[in-house]
């Protein structure tokens, strides 16, 4: 038998969801429910149910075979050196200034030096994250940007901050702006593009259409021209809806692909990857009763784009 003491990051979630995270892939989901039903999982010495909401200070007694307690994935961050800027940081969140060329999450290619690995290494070195003391929570990225897109990525340091950030993004209480260098002369200096986007997972690309089609979602991209150059334009873009490759594909669909975007446009001499930078985040109101209330009305900016 092993005892697990529920901490603040574990609390607030269902028992079955917690056990699924705790055992990861070591224990099948069906077996988790069987053990709960067979009273091999007890809460505070008593019988448990799958939908019990964990509270800080609860003690779980797990009458489970030792082979299920393997904890994978702990060592990979040890050899990763953090290589990012910090736009803003407090005890709950961090706004990372990601460099172009960095993958945000683990991918099928087995990339080790990902942004999430760098973050865990960074927080571990600061003493803000100790995997051995966490049963189910891992600091997480709240948004993601493409490998060759640079700029702000928001990460949560604790479970409550992650829940609030996910809610802000879901209910659009957060505005995200990008800087982009696109090809051509923009006839309209300011516009809102409204179309539909279909994702082809096999080709890892998306297609923009003017009319709905099965599997397509509505996309909205607003832009204004900051500077018109001879053969290109510097744009500020508000990402109203956030879909895979939305900015890249949407601008390409109206004849203005991003500079250096080989997937939706053409490669540019001397440039590796699309000229796109997530440069500003605005926290709107409406979450004053949460742990992140102090961020209401705050604006954070990254000025590290290499194409300005």
Protein backbone atom coordinates (compact mmCIF):
# COMPACT_ATOMS: atom_id res chain seq x y z
CA UNK A 1 0.00 0.00 0.00
CA UNK A 2 1.12 3.54 -0.77
CA UNK A 3 -0.24 6.79 0.57
CA UNK A 4 -0.64 9.90 -1.52
CA UNK A 5 -1.21 13.24 0.19
CA UNK A 6 -3.30 15.58 -1.97
CA UNK A 7 -1.75 19.02 -2.38
CA UNK A 8 -3.15 22.28 -3.74
CA UNK A 9 -2.36 21.42 -7.37
CA UNK A 10 -4.10 18.03 -7.05
CA UNK A 11 -7.26 19.39 -5.42
CA UNK A 12 -10.41 20.36 -7.31
CA UNK A 13 -10.41 17.42 -9.70
CA UNK A 14 -12.28 14.12 -9.73
CA UNK A 15 -10.63 11.10 -8.17
CA UNK A 16 -10.71 9.09 -11.40
CA UNK A 17 -9.16 11.96 -13.40
CA UNK A 18 -6.41 12.34 -10.80
CA UNK A 19 -5.58 8.62 -10.88
CA UNK A 20 -5.43 8.66 -14.66
CA UNK A 21 -2.79 11.44 -14.50
CA UNK A 22 -0.98 9.89 -11.56
CA UNK A 23 -0.47 6.49 -13.16
CA UNK A 24 -0.13 7.88 -16.71
CA UNK A 25 0.06 5.00 -19.19
CA UNK A 26 1.12 2.44 -16.56
CA UNK A 27 -2.47 1.57 -15.56
CA UNK A 28 -5.35 1.08 -18.03
CA UNK A 29 -8.39 3.25 -17.45
CA UNK A 30 -10.64 0.23 -16.97
CA UNK A 31 -8.39 -1.05 -14.21
CA UNK A 32 -8.51 2.31 -12.41
CA UNK A 33 -12.31 2.03 -12.19
CA UNK A 34 -12.07 -1.62 -11.13
CA UNK A 35 -9.71 -0.76 -8.28
CA UNK A 36 -12.04 2.01 -7.08
CA UNK A 37 -14.99 -0.38 -7.23
CA UNK A 38 -13.06 -3.13 -5.39
CA UNK A 39 -12.13 -0.69 -2.56
CA UNK A 40 -8.43 -0.82 -3.43
CA UNK A 41 -8.47 2.97 -3.59
CA UNK A 42 -9.54 4.63 -0.33
CA UNK A 43 -9.94 8.30 0.53
CA UNK A 44 -9.17 9.28 4.13
CA UNK A 45 -9.51 5.65 5.15
CA UNK A 46 -12.97 5.20 3.67
CA UNK A 47 -14.57 3.95 0.50
CA UNK A 48 -14.17 6.13 -2.59
CA UNK A 49 -16.22 6.87 -5.71
CA UNK A 50 -14.91 7.94 -9.15
CA UNK A 51 -16.51 11.40 -9.11
CA UNK A 52 -15.32 12.40 -5.64
CA UNK A 53 -13.74 15.87 -5.80
CA UNK A 54 -10.33 15.86 -4.13
CA UNK A 55 -9.65 18.37 -1.37
CA UNK A 56 -6.30 19.70 -0.06
CA UNK A 57 -5.12 17.44 2.75
CA UNK A 58 -6.97 14.33 1.57
CA UNK A 59 -4.99 11.10 1.91
CA UNK A 60 -5.36 8.38 -0.69
CA UNK A 61 -4.51 4.79 0.19
CA UNK A 62 -3.61 2.86 -2.95
CA UNK A 63 -3.60 -0.94 -2.63
CA UNK A 64 -1.97 -1.36 -6.02
CA UNK A 65 0.85 -3.56 -7.32
CA UNK A 66 4.29 -1.91 -7.42
CA UNK A 67 4.70 -2.15 -11.20
CA UNK A 68 2.02 0.51 -11.65
CA UNK A 69 4.03 3.12 -9.77
CA UNK A 70 6.64 3.71 -12.47
CA UNK A 71 6.97 7.48 -13.07
CA UNK A 72 8.14 8.13 -16.63
CA UNK A 73 9.34 11.33 -18.28
CA UNK A 74 11.24 12.74 -15.30
CA UNK A 75 14.75 12.78 -16.67
CA UNK A 76 14.41 14.40 -20.08
CA UNK A 77 14.48 17.97 -18.78
CA UNK A 78 17.76 17.43 -16.95
CA UNK A 79 19.76 17.82 -20.14
CA UNK A 80 17.76 20.72 -21.62
CA UNK A 81 19.11 24.25 -21.26
CA UNK A 82 16.47 27.00 -21.15
CA UNK A 83 16.91 29.35 -24.10
CA UNK A 84 14.08 31.87 -24.08
CA UNK A 85 13.34 35.40 -22.97
CA UNK A 86 10.88 36.32 -20.24
CA UNK A 87 8.30 39.01 -21.01
CA UNK A 88 6.60 38.72 -17.62
CA UNK A 89 6.66 36.32 -14.66
CA UNK A 90 5.05 35.94 -11.25
CA UNK A 91 4.20 33.06 -8.91
CA UNK A 92 1.30 31.91 -11.12
CA UNK A 93 2.23 32.44 -14.76
CA UNK A 94 5.13 33.19 -17.06
CA UNK A 95 5.02 34.85 -20.49
CA UNK A 96 7.83 33.29 -22.50
CA UNK A 97 9.45 35.02 -25.46
CA UNK A 98 9.98 32.01 -27.75
CA UNK A 99 12.63 31.98 -30.43
CA UNK A 100 11.78 30.94 -33.98
CA UNK A 101 12.78 27.33 -34.69
CA UNK A 102 11.75 25.94 -31.30
CA UNK A 103 9.02 23.28 -31.14
CA UNK A 104 6.58 23.98 -28.32
CA UNK A 105 5.58 20.39 -27.43
CA UNK A 106 6.96 16.90 -27.98
CA UNK A 107 6.45 15.78 -31.58
CA UNK A 108 6.56 12.59 -33.62
CA UNK A 109 10.18 13.31 -34.53
CA UNK A 110 11.33 12.77 -30.96
CA UNK A 111 12.43 16.39 -30.41
CA UNK A 112 13.92 16.74 -26.92
CA UNK A 113 14.74 20.44 -26.76
CA UNK A 114 11.12 21.61 -26.82
CA UNK A 115 9.77 24.77 -25.23
CA UNK A 116 7.87 22.80 -22.57
CA UNK A 117 11.06 20.89 -21.69
CA UNK A 118 12.95 24.18 -21.43
CA UNK A 119 10.22 25.57 -19.18
CA UNK A 120 10.32 22.58 -16.83
CA UNK A 121 14.10 22.80 -16.67
CA UNK A 122 13.86 26.54 -15.92
CA UNK A 123 11.29 26.11 -13.14
CA UNK A 124 13.14 23.14 -11.66
CA UNK A 125 16.38 25.14 -11.45
CA UNK A 126 14.48 27.97 -9.72
CA UNK A 127 13.00 25.55 -7.20
CA UNK A 128 9.44 26.29 -8.34
CA UNK A 129 8.76 22.81 -9.70
CA UNK A 130 9.69 19.50 -8.12
CA UNK A 131 8.32 16.57 -10.04
CA UNK A 132 8.92 14.21 -7.14
CA UNK A 133 6.47 16.19 -5.00
CA UNK A 134 3.78 16.59 -7.68
CA UNK A 135 1.34 13.74 -8.16
CA UNK A 136 -0.68 14.92 -11.15
CA UNK A 137 0.19 18.50 -12.12
CA UNK A 138 2.90 19.60 -14.55
CA UNK A 139 3.43 23.26 -15.51
CA UNK A 140 1.78 23.71 -18.89
CA UNK A 141 1.70 25.98 -21.93
CA UNK A 142 -1.67 27.71 -22.31
CA UNK A 143 -1.29 28.55 -25.99
CA UNK A 144 0.95 27.36 -28.77
CA UNK A 145 2.60 28.85 -31.83
CA UNK A 146 4.29 27.20 -34.80
CA UNK A 147 7.92 26.12 -34.71
CA UNK A 148 9.11 29.00 -36.91
CA UNK A 149 6.85 31.62 -35.33
CA UNK A 150 8.46 33.63 -32.55
CA UNK A 151 6.97 35.56 -29.66
CA UNK A 152 4.81 35.24 -26.56
CA UNK A 153 3.71 31.88 -25.21
CA UNK A 154 1.82 31.85 -21.90
CA UNK A 155 2.52 29.11 -19.34
CA UNK A 156 0.84 28.34 -16.00
CA UNK A 157 2.91 27.35 -12.97
CA UNK A 158 0.08 25.83 -10.93
CA UNK A 159 -3.23 24.07 -11.49
CA UNK A 160 -5.47 26.97 -10.48
CA UNK A 161 -3.68 29.40 -12.80
CA UNK A 162 -3.97 26.87 -15.63
CA UNK A 163 -7.71 26.52 -15.10
CA UNK A 164 -8.19 30.28 -15.12
CA UNK A 165 -6.00 30.83 -18.19
CA UNK A 166 -7.82 28.13 -20.14
CA UNK A 167 -11.12 29.80 -19.22
CA UNK A 168 -9.87 33.24 -20.31
CA UNK A 169 -8.81 31.89 -23.67
CA UNK A 170 -12.01 29.89 -24.14
CA UNK A 171 -14.24 32.89 -23.39
CA UNK A 172 -12.06 35.37 -25.31
CA UNK A 173 -11.07 37.47 -22.32
CA UNK A 174 -7.59 37.57 -23.78
CA UNK A 175 -6.57 39.37 -26.98
CA UNK A 176 -3.54 38.22 -28.96
CA UNK A 177 -1.80 40.35 -31.57
CA UNK A 178 0.89 39.42 -34.07
CA UNK A 179 3.35 41.25 -36.28
CA UNK A 180 3.70 39.84 -39.78
CA UNK A 181 5.63 40.70 -42.92
CA UNK A 182 3.59 39.72 -45.97
CA UNK A 183 4.30 39.92 -49.67
CA UNK A 184 2.80 42.50 -52.04
CA UNK A 185 1.00 45.83 -51.90
CA UNK A 186 -1.99 45.87 -49.54
CA UNK A 187 -4.83 47.74 -51.24
CA UNK A 188 -6.90 47.77 -48.05
CA UNK A 189 -4.94 49.31 -45.19
CA UNK A 190 -7.27 47.76 -42.61
CA UNK A 191 -9.71 44.87 -42.91
CA UNK A 192 -11.36 41.92 -41.18
CA UNK A 193 -11.13 38.64 -43.08
CA UNK A 194 -13.94 36.13 -42.49
CA UNK A 195 -13.77 32.70 -44.09
CA UNK A 196 -13.70 28.97 -43.34
CA UNK A 197 -10.72 26.76 -42.60
CA UNK A 198 -10.37 23.03 -43.23
CA UNK A 199 -7.47 21.06 -41.75
CA UNK A 200 -5.82 18.19 -43.62
CA UNK A 201 -4.01 16.28 -40.86
CA UNK A 202 -2.30 13.93 -43.31
CA UNK A 203 -0.59 16.79 -45.17
CA UNK A 204 -0.25 18.91 -41.99
CA UNK A 205 -1.69 21.95 -43.70
CA UNK A 206 -4.96 23.85 -43.85
CA UNK A 207 -7.14 25.21 -46.63
CA UNK A 208 -9.25 28.37 -46.60
CA UNK A 209 -12.62 28.49 -48.35
CA UNK A 210 -15.22 31.22 -48.80
CA UNK A 211 -18.13 28.88 -48.13
CA UNK A 212 -18.75 26.24 -45.43
CA UNK A 213 -17.85 22.63 -46.03
CA UNK A 214 -17.95 19.49 -43.84
CA UNK A 215 -15.22 19.66 -41.21
CA UNK A 216 -14.45 23.34 -41.78
CA UNK A 217 -14.56 25.96 -39.01
CA UNK A 218 -15.17 29.69 -39.22
CA UNK A 219 -12.09 31.90 -38.92
CA UNK A 220 -11.78 35.64 -38.33
CA UNK A 221 -8.51 37.53 -38.82
CA UNK A 222 -8.25 41.32 -38.45
CA UNK A 223 -5.26 43.30 -39.74
CA UNK A 224 -3.99 46.82 -40.27
CA UNK A 225 -0.97 47.97 -42.25
CA UNK A 226 1.77 49.50 -40.12
CA UNK A 227 4.21 50.08 -42.95
CA UNK A 228 3.93 49.56 -46.70
CA UNK A 229 7.26 48.71 -48.27
CA UNK A 230 8.18 48.37 -51.93
CA UNK A 231 7.32 44.68 -52.24
CA UNK A 232 6.01 43.82 -48.79
CA UNK A 233 3.91 45.13 -45.92
CA UNK A 234 4.35 45.07 -42.16
CA UNK A 235 1.03 44.18 -40.53
CA UNK A 236 -0.44 44.14 -37.06
CA UNK A 237 -2.84 41.21 -36.82
CA UNK A 238 -5.48 40.46 -34.21
CA UNK A 239 -6.15 36.74 -34.01
CA UNK A 240 -9.89 36.78 -33.31
CA UNK A 241 -10.20 33.01 -33.71
CA UNK A 242 -7.18 30.84 -33.09
CA UNK A 243 -6.88 27.94 -35.52
CA UNK A 244 -3.92 25.96 -36.83
CA UNK A 245 -1.87 28.04 -39.32
CA UNK A 246 -4.76 30.53 -39.46
CA UNK A 247 -2.78 33.72 -40.08
CA UNK A 248 -0.45 32.08 -42.59
CA UNK A 249 -3.20 30.44 -44.63
CA UNK A 250 -5.66 33.32 -44.39
CA UNK A 251 -3.26 35.93 -45.75
CA UNK A 252 -2.05 33.53 -48.45
CA UNK A 253 -5.67 32.99 -49.51
CA UNK A 254 -6.04 36.70 -50.34
CA UNK A 255 -2.77 36.79 -52.28
CA UNK A 256 -0.41 38.01 -49.53
CA UNK A 257 1.54 35.06 -48.09
CA UNK A 258 4.00 35.71 -45.30
CA UNK A 259 7.60 36.33 -46.22
CA UNK A 260 9.56 33.09 -45.92
CA UNK A 261 6.51 30.84 -45.63
CA UNK A 262 7.41 27.86 -47.80
CA UNK A 263 4.22 25.97 -46.97
CA UNK A 264 1.64 28.60 -47.97
CA UNK A 265 3.84 30.90 -50.05
CA UNK A 266 7.46 30.66 -51.07
CA UNK A 267 10.80 30.53 -49.33
CA UNK A 268 12.67 33.83 -49.12
CA UNK A 269 16.39 34.24 -49.61
CA UNK A 270 18.14 34.77 -46.29
CA UNK A 271 15.07 33.83 -44.25
CA UNK A 272 14.21 30.53 -42.59
CA UNK A 273 10.52 30.26 -41.80
CA UNK A 274 7.61 32.65 -41.89
CA UNK A 275 7.95 36.27 -40.74
CA UNK A 276 5.41 36.03 -37.91
CA UNK A 277 5.79 37.17 -34.29
CA UNK A 278 3.29 36.95 -31.41
CA UNK A 279 4.05 40.36 -29.99
CA UNK A 280 1.23 41.54 -27.70
CA UNK A 281 -1.19 40.05 -25.17
CA UNK A 282 -4.02 42.03 -23.57
CA UNK A 283 -5.91 40.76 -20.53
CA UNK A 284 -9.49 42.03 -20.64
CA UNK A 285 -11.81 42.23 -17.63
CA UNK A 286 -14.33 39.77 -16.26
CA UNK A 287 -12.14 37.53 -14.10
CA UNK A 288 -11.70 39.70 -11.02
CA UNK A 289 -12.77 36.90 -8.65
CA UNK A 290 -9.96 34.54 -9.71
CA UNK A 291 -6.36 33.94 -8.69
CA UNK A 292 -5.26 36.01 -11.72
CA UNK A 293 -7.47 39.04 -10.95
CA UNK A 294 -4.41 41.32 -10.73
CA UNK A 295 -3.82 40.84 -14.49
CA UNK A 296 -7.10 42.49 -15.50
CA UNK A 297 -6.37 45.33 -17.92
CA UNK A 298 -2.67 44.45 -18.22
CA UNK A 299 -0.86 44.53 -21.58
CA UNK A 300 2.42 42.71 -22.28
CA UNK A 301 4.58 43.22 -25.35
CA UNK A 302 7.53 41.46 -26.98
CA UNK A 303 9.68 43.51 -29.35
CA UNK A 304 12.12 40.79 -30.39
CA UNK A 305 10.81 40.24 -33.94
CA UNK A 306 13.71 40.07 -36.40
CA UNK A 307 11.85 41.57 -39.39
CA UNK A 308 10.69 44.93 -38.03
